[in-house]
């Protein structure tokens, strides 16, 4: 795969995901916390709620 093709596909997917992404407010204000990719603290809270 040509790097230019990969870059254009990557850019389109990034835009698509940001448009389709669910809003998620991290209670710990982590900028890297998303509904489908939780930060460590939110992941720990999730596991504690499940047990």
PDB file of N, CA and C in Angstrom:
ATOM      1  N   UNK A   1       0.845  -1.171   0.000  1.00  0.00           N
ATOM      2  CA  UNK A   1       0.000   0.000   0.000  1.00  0.00           C
ATOM      3  C   UNK A   1       0.894   1.238   0.000  1.00  0.00           C
ATOM      4  N   UNK A   2       0.554   2.166  -0.834  1.00  0.00           N
ATOM      5  CA  UNK A   2       1.285   3.415  -0.943  1.00  0.00           C
ATOM      6  C   UNK A   2       1.005   4.278   0.293  1.00  0.00           C
ATOM      7  N   UNK A   3       1.998   4.977   0.775  1.00  0.00           N
ATOM      8  CA  UNK A   3       1.841   5.796   1.975  1.00  0.00           C
ATOM      9  C   UNK A   3       0.798   6.899   1.772  1.00  0.00           C
ATOM     10  N   UNK A   4       0.684   7.427   0.582  1.00  0.00           N
ATOM     11  CA  UNK A   4      -0.318   8.458   0.305  1.00  0.00           C
ATOM     12  C   UNK A   4      -1.729   7.889   0.401  1.00  0.00           C
ATOM     13  N   UNK A   5      -1.916   6.660  -0.081  1.00  0.00           N
ATOM     14  CA  UNK A   5      -3.221   6.002   0.039  1.00  0.00           C
ATOM     15  C   UNK A   5      -3.548   5.750   1.505  1.00  0.00           C
ATOM     16  N   UNK A   6      -2.558   5.265   2.244  1.00  0.00           N
ATOM     17  CA  UNK A   6      -2.753   4.991   3.667  1.00  0.00           C
ATOM     18  C   UNK A   6      -3.126   6.269   4.404  1.00  0.00           C
ATOM     19  N   UNK A   7      -2.434   7.361   4.091  1.00  0.00           N
ATOM     20  CA  UNK A   7      -2.693   8.634   4.761  1.00  0.00           C
ATOM     21  C   UNK A   7      -4.110   9.125   4.485  1.00  0.00           C
ATOM     22  N   UNK A   8      -4.564   9.021   3.266  1.00  0.00           N
ATOM     23  CA  UNK A   8      -5.914   9.500   2.950  1.00  0.00           C
ATOM     24  C   UNK A   8      -6.974   8.638   3.633  1.00  0.00           C
ATOM     25  N   UNK A   9      -6.756   7.331   3.693  1.00  0.00           N
ATOM     26  CA  UNK A   9      -7.694   6.444   4.388  1.00  0.00           C
ATOM     27  C   UNK A   9      -7.694   6.747   5.878  1.00  0.00           C
ATOM     28  N   UNK A  10      -6.520   6.931   6.455  1.00  0.00           N
ATOM     29  CA  UNK A  10      -6.395   7.239   7.875  1.00  0.00           C
ATOM     30  C   UNK A  10      -7.123   8.542   8.205  1.00  0.00           C
ATOM     31  N   UNK A  11      -6.929   9.547   7.375  1.00  0.00           N
ATOM     32  CA  UNK A  11      -7.565  10.846   7.607  1.00  0.00           C
ATOM     33  C   UNK A  11      -9.086  10.731   7.534  1.00  0.00           C
ATOM     34  N   UNK A  12      -9.605   9.999   6.543  1.00  0.00           N
ATOM     35  CA  UNK A  12     -11.055   9.812   6.420  1.00  0.00           C
ATOM     36  C   UNK A  12     -11.627   9.082   7.624  1.00  0.00           C
ATOM     37  N   UNK A  13     -10.940   8.041   8.067  1.00  0.00           N
ATOM     38  CA  UNK A  13     -11.405   7.281   9.229  1.00  0.00           C
ATOM     39  C   UNK A  13     -11.370   8.128  10.496  1.00  0.00           C
ATOM     40  N   UNK A  14     -10.352   8.929  10.631  1.00  0.00           N
ATOM     41  CA  UNK A  14     -10.258   9.813  11.790  1.00  0.00           C
ATOM     42  C   UNK A  14     -11.435  10.782  11.806  1.00  0.00           C
ATOM     43  N   UNK A  15     -11.770  11.359  10.690  1.00  0.00           N
ATOM     44  CA  UNK A  15     -12.913  12.262  10.601  1.00  0.00           C
ATOM     45  C   UNK A  15     -14.225  11.528  10.872  1.00  0.00           C
ATOM     46  N   UNK A  16     -14.348  10.329  10.321  1.00  0.00           N
ATOM     47  CA  UNK A  16     -15.566   9.553  10.519  1.00  0.00           C
ATOM     48  C   UNK A  16     -15.754   9.203  11.992  1.00  0.00           C
ATOM     49  N   UNK A  17     -14.699   8.793  12.636  1.00  0.00           N
ATOM     50  CA  UNK A  17     -14.798   8.418  14.041  1.00  0.00           C
ATOM     51  C   UNK A  17     -15.102   9.610  14.929  1.00  0.00           C
ATOM     52  N   UNK A  18     -14.546  10.760  14.613  1.00  0.00           N
ATOM     53  CA  UNK A  18     -14.827  11.930  15.432  1.00  0.00           C
ATOM     54  C   UNK A  18     -16.266  12.388  15.237  1.00  0.00           C
ATOM     55  N   UNK A  19     -16.818  12.160  14.051  1.00  0.00           N
ATOM     56  CA  UNK A  19     -18.205  12.533  13.804  1.00  0.00           C
ATOM     57  C   UNK A  19     -19.170  11.532  14.426  1.00  0.00           C
ATOM     58  N   UNK A  20     -18.793  10.249  14.452  1.00  0.00           N
ATOM     59  CA  UNK A  20     -19.654   9.199  14.981  1.00  0.00           C
ATOM     60  C   UNK A  20     -19.439   8.945  16.465  1.00  0.00           C
ATOM     61  N   UNK A  21     -18.400   9.531  17.030  1.00  0.00           N
ATOM     62  CA  UNK A  21     -18.033   9.232  18.409  1.00  0.00           C
ATOM     63  C   UNK A  21     -19.074   9.676  19.420  1.00  0.00           C
ATOM     64  N   UNK A  22     -19.238   8.868  20.443  1.00  0.00           N
ATOM     65  CA  UNK A  22     -20.149   9.210  21.518  1.00  0.00           C
ATOM     66  C   UNK A  22     -19.482  10.206  22.452  1.00  0.00           C
ATOM     67  N   UNK A  23     -20.274  11.129  22.944  1.00  0.00           N
ATOM     68  CA  UNK A  23     -19.762  12.069  23.922  1.00  0.00           C
ATOM     69  C   UNK A  23     -19.531  11.332  25.224  1.00  0.00           C
ATOM     70  N   UNK A  24     -18.409  11.556  25.844  1.00  0.00           N
ATOM     71  CA  UNK A  24     -18.115  10.940  27.125  1.00  0.00           C
ATOM     72  C   UNK A  24     -17.374  11.953  27.976  1.00  0.00           C
ATOM     73  N   UNK A  25     -17.910  12.229  29.142  1.00  0.00           N
ATOM     74  CA  UNK A  25     -17.273  13.150  30.066  1.00  0.00           C
ATOM     75  C   UNK A  25     -16.575  12.357  31.153  1.00  0.00           C
ATOM     76  N   UNK A  26     -15.270  12.419  31.133  1.00  0.00           N
ATOM     77  CA  UNK A  26     -14.473  11.702  32.122  1.00  0.00           C
ATOM     78  C   UNK A  26     -14.580  12.428  33.460  1.00  0.00           C
ATOM     79  N   UNK A  27     -14.950  11.715  34.514  1.00  0.00           N
ATOM     80  CA  UNK A  27     -15.040  12.362  35.829  1.00  0.00           C
ATOM     81  C   UNK A  27     -13.671  12.792  36.357  1.00  0.00           C
ATOM     82  N   UNK A  28     -12.609  12.298  35.744  1.00  0.00           N
ATOM     83  CA  UNK A  28     -11.249  12.648  36.164  1.00  0.00           C
ATOM     84  C   UNK A  28     -10.610  13.665  35.215  1.00  0.00           C
ATOM     85  N   UNK A  29     -11.387  14.173  34.265  1.00  0.00           N
ATOM     86  CA  UNK A  29     -10.939  15.175  33.289  1.00  0.00           C
ATOM     87  C   UNK A  29      -9.713  14.736  32.493  1.00  0.00           C
ATOM     88  N   UNK A  30      -9.674  13.465  32.160  1.00  0.00           N
ATOM     89  CA  UNK A  30      -8.581  12.949  31.345  1.00  0.00           C
ATOM     90  C   UNK A  30      -8.902  13.222  29.874  1.00  0.00           C
ATOM     91  N   UNK A  31      -7.975  13.857  29.184  1.00  0.00           N
ATOM     92  CA  UNK A  31      -8.210  14.172  27.770  1.00  0.00           C
ATOM     93  C   UNK A  31      -8.108  12.941  26.885  1.00  0.00           C
ATOM     94  N   UNK A  32      -7.540  11.868  27.403  1.00  0.00           N
ATOM     95  CA  UNK A  32      -7.391  10.651  26.606  1.00  0.00           C
ATOM     96  C   UNK A  32      -8.437   9.598  26.959  1.00  0.00           C
ATOM     97  N   UNK A  33      -9.529  10.010  27.566  1.00  0.00           N
ATOM     98  CA  UNK A  33     -10.574   9.087  27.985  1.00  0.00           C
ATOM     99  C   UNK A  33     -11.771   9.218  27.050  1.00  0.00           C
ATOM    100  N   UNK A  34     -12.137   8.096  26.422  1.00  0.00           N
ATOM    101  CA  UNK A  34     -13.258   8.066  25.493  1.00  0.00           C
ATOM    102  C   UNK A  34     -14.181   6.931  25.871  1.00  0.00           C
ATOM    103  N   UNK A  35     -15.405   6.963  25.391  1.00  0.00           N
ATOM    104  CA  UNK A  35     -16.394   5.938  25.735  1.00  0.00           C
ATOM    105  C   UNK A  35     -15.911   4.543  25.357  1.00  0.00           C
ATOM    106  N   UNK A  36     -15.213   4.428  24.225  1.00  0.00           N
ATOM    107  CA  UNK A  36     -14.741   3.113  23.789  1.00  0.00           C
ATOM    108  C   UNK A  36     -13.282   2.852  24.156  1.00  0.00           C
ATOM    109  N   UNK A  37     -12.637   3.803  24.808  1.00  0.00           N
ATOM    110  CA  UNK A  37     -11.243   3.653  25.220  1.00  0.00           C
ATOM    111  C   UNK A  37     -11.048   4.439  26.517  1.00  0.00           C
ATOM    112  N   UNK A  38     -11.434   3.831  27.629  1.00  0.00           N
ATOM    113  CA  UNK A  38     -11.417   4.508  28.913  1.00  0.00           C
ATOM    114  C   UNK A  38      -9.992   4.689  29.442  1.00  0.00           C
ATOM    115  N   UNK A  39      -9.834   5.736  30.255  1.00  0.00           N
ATOM    116  CA  UNK A  39      -8.557   5.918  30.938  1.00  0.00           C
ATOM    117  C   UNK A  39      -8.462   4.864  32.047  1.00  0.00           C
ATOM    118  N   UNK A  40      -7.315   4.740  32.648  1.00  0.00           N
ATOM    119  CA  UNK A  40      -7.084   3.706  33.663  1.00  0.00           C
ATOM    120  C   UNK A  40      -8.041   3.891  34.838  1.00  0.00           C
ATOM    121  N   UNK A  41      -8.226   5.111  35.281  1.00  0.00           N
ATOM    122  CA  UNK A  41      -9.094   5.355  36.437  1.00  0.00           C
ATOM    123  C   UNK A  41     -10.546   4.977  36.140  1.00  0.00           C
ATOM    124  N   UNK A  42     -11.046   5.325  34.971  1.00  0.00           N
ATOM    125  CA  UNK A  42     -12.415   4.963  34.596  1.00  0.00           C
ATOM    126  C   UNK A  42     -12.548   3.459  34.401  1.00  0.00           C
ATOM    127  N   UNK A  43     -11.511   2.823  33.875  1.00  0.00           N
ATOM    128  CA  UNK A  43     -11.526   1.371  33.695  1.00  0.00           C
ATOM    129  C   UNK A  43     -11.606   0.673  35.057  1.00  0.00           C
ATOM    130  N   UNK A  44     -10.865   1.176  36.028  1.00  0.00           N
ATOM    131  CA  UNK A  44     -10.909   0.614  37.388  1.00  0.00           C
ATOM    132  C   UNK A  44     -12.309   0.788  37.975  1.00  0.00           C
ATOM    133  N   UNK A  45     -12.902   1.962  37.804  1.00  0.00           N
ATOM    134  CA  UNK A  45     -14.267   2.197  38.293  1.00  0.00           C
ATOM    135  C   UNK A  45     -15.257   1.242  37.638  1.00  0.00           C
ATOM    136  N   UNK A  46     -15.101   1.005  36.342  1.00  0.00           N
ATOM    137  CA  UNK A  46     -15.987   0.104  35.614  1.00  0.00           C
ATOM    138  C   UNK A  46     -15.900  -1.312  36.157  1.00  0.00           C
ATOM    139  N   UNK A  47     -14.683  -1.787  36.405  1.00  0.00           N
ATOM    140  CA  UNK A  47     -14.483  -3.133  36.939  1.00  0.00           C
ATOM    141  C   UNK A  47     -15.068  -3.236  38.338  1.00  0.00           C
ATOM    142  N   UNK A  48     -14.912  -2.204  39.145  1.00  0.00           N
ATOM    143  CA  UNK A  48     -15.458  -2.219  40.508  1.00  0.00           C
ATOM    144  C   UNK A  48     -16.987  -2.254  40.483  1.00  0.00           C
ATOM    145  N   UNK A  49     -17.606  -1.554  39.556  1.00  0.00           N
ATOM    146  CA  UNK A  49     -19.065  -1.559  39.449  1.00  0.00           C
ATOM    147  C   UNK A  49     -19.587  -2.927  39.004  1.00  0.00           C
ATOM    148  N   UNK A  50     -18.806  -3.643  38.198  1.00  0.00           N
ATOM    149  CA  UNK A  50     -19.237  -4.938  37.679  1.00  0.00           C
ATOM    150  C   UNK A  50     -19.121  -6.050  38.717  1.00  0.00           C
ATOM    151  N   UNK A  51     -18.304  -5.826  39.739  1.00  0.00           N
ATOM    152  CA  UNK A  51     -18.138  -6.904  40.723  1.00  0.00           C
ATOM    153  C   UNK A  51     -19.005  -6.722  41.947  1.00  0.00           C
TER     154      UNK A  51
END
